[in-house]
Amino acid sequence: TIEPRKNFKSVLEAFSLFLEKNPKENIYLVSVGLWGWNNSELKDYLKKYKYIEKIIFTNYIEINFLPSLYYYSKAFIY
């Protein structure tokens, strides 16, 4: 679940830095999970986020699909 205690904004800032240092990489950030509580600040941040087209929000995913996501990922952030 995306909620303030998980500091998703820091993940987005790190993702921006990666993309700026590696402009030729065709990388996407895939966020798995539902939106939780108190996210108005994050949603406002996303409206202005430079790389929003490089983010995929999947919402809920069945547990049997997670192994494929992990296998095909270049990195994992928990």
Protein backbone atom coordinates (compact mmCIF):
# COMPACT_ATOMS: atom_id res chain seq x y z
CA THR A 1 0.00 0.00 0.00
CA ILE A 2 1.29 3.45 -0.89
CA GLU A 3 1.13 5.58 2.25
CA PRO A 4 3.29 8.32 3.81
CA ARG A 5 5.36 6.04 6.09
CA LYS A 6 6.79 4.28 3.03
CA ASN A 7 8.34 7.52 1.71
CA PHE A 8 7.50 6.85 -1.93
CA LYS A 9 8.56 10.38 -2.81
CA SER A 10 12.17 9.41 -2.06
CA VAL A 11 11.84 6.46 -4.44
CA LEU A 12 10.63 8.85 -7.14
CA GLU A 13 13.53 11.22 -6.50
CA ALA A 14 16.02 8.34 -6.73
CA PHE A 15 14.34 7.13 -9.93
CA SER A 16 14.68 10.64 -11.41
CA LEU A 17 18.39 10.70 -10.57
CA PHE A 18 18.89 7.31 -12.17
CA LEU A 19 17.11 8.36 -15.37
CA GLU A 20 19.08 11.60 -15.58
CA LYS A 21 22.40 9.76 -15.20
CA ASN A 22 21.33 6.97 -17.59
CA PRO A 23 19.24 8.65 -20.31
CA LYS A 24 19.62 5.77 -22.78
CA GLU A 25 18.16 3.19 -20.37
CA ASN A 26 14.62 2.11 -21.18
CA ILE A 27 13.61 1.59 -17.54
CA TYR A 28 10.20 1.82 -15.90
CA LEU A 29 9.25 2.04 -12.25
CA VAL A 30 6.48 -0.45 -11.47
CA SER A 31 4.58 0.21 -8.27
CA VAL A 32 2.60 -2.78 -7.05
CA GLY A 33 -0.07 -2.17 -4.44
CA LEU A 34 -3.08 -0.08 -3.62
CA TRP A 35 -3.18 3.59 -2.64
CA GLY A 36 -3.50 4.01 1.10
CA TRP A 37 -4.42 6.95 3.28
CA ASN A 38 -3.21 10.57 3.37
CA ASN A 39 -1.62 10.73 -0.10
CA SER A 40 -2.78 14.14 -1.33
CA GLU A 41 0.77 15.58 -1.14
CA LEU A 42 2.18 12.65 -3.14
CA LYS A 43 -0.57 12.90 -5.76
CA ASP A 44 0.19 16.62 -6.16
CA TYR A 45 3.90 15.78 -6.54
CA LEU A 46 3.07 13.21 -9.23
CA LYS A 47 1.09 15.76 -11.26
CA LYS A 48 4.36 17.67 -11.76
CA TYR A 49 6.69 14.67 -11.92
CA LYS A 50 8.93 14.86 -14.98
CA TYR A 51 9.04 11.10 -15.62
CA ILE A 52 5.41 10.19 -14.92
CA GLU A 53 5.21 8.33 -18.24
CA LYS A 54 7.91 5.96 -16.91
CA ILE A 55 5.81 4.84 -13.91
CA ILE A 56 3.31 2.00 -13.95
CA PHE A 57 0.88 1.72 -11.04
CA THR A 58 -0.57 -1.79 -11.06
CA ASN A 59 -2.76 -1.54 -7.96
CA TYR A 60 -3.48 -4.99 -6.51
CA ILE A 61 -1.80 -8.01 -8.12
CA GLU A 62 -2.50 -11.64 -7.32
CA ILE A 63 0.36 -13.25 -5.43
CA ASN A 64 0.94 -15.85 -8.17
CA PHE A 65 2.00 -13.05 -10.58
CA LEU A 66 4.68 -11.65 -8.26
CA PRO A 67 7.41 -14.19 -9.15
CA SER A 68 7.29 -13.07 -12.79
CA LEU A 69 7.58 -9.43 -11.77
CA TYR A 70 10.58 -10.21 -9.59
CA TYR A 71 12.23 -12.34 -12.28
CA TYR A 72 11.99 -9.70 -15.01
CA SER A 73 12.97 -6.78 -12.77
CA LYS A 74 16.40 -5.21 -12.81
CA ALA A 75 15.99 -3.99 -9.23
CA PHE A 76 13.60 -4.40 -6.33
CA ILE A 77 12.70 -1.87 -3.64
CA TYR A 78 10.75 -3.02 -0.62
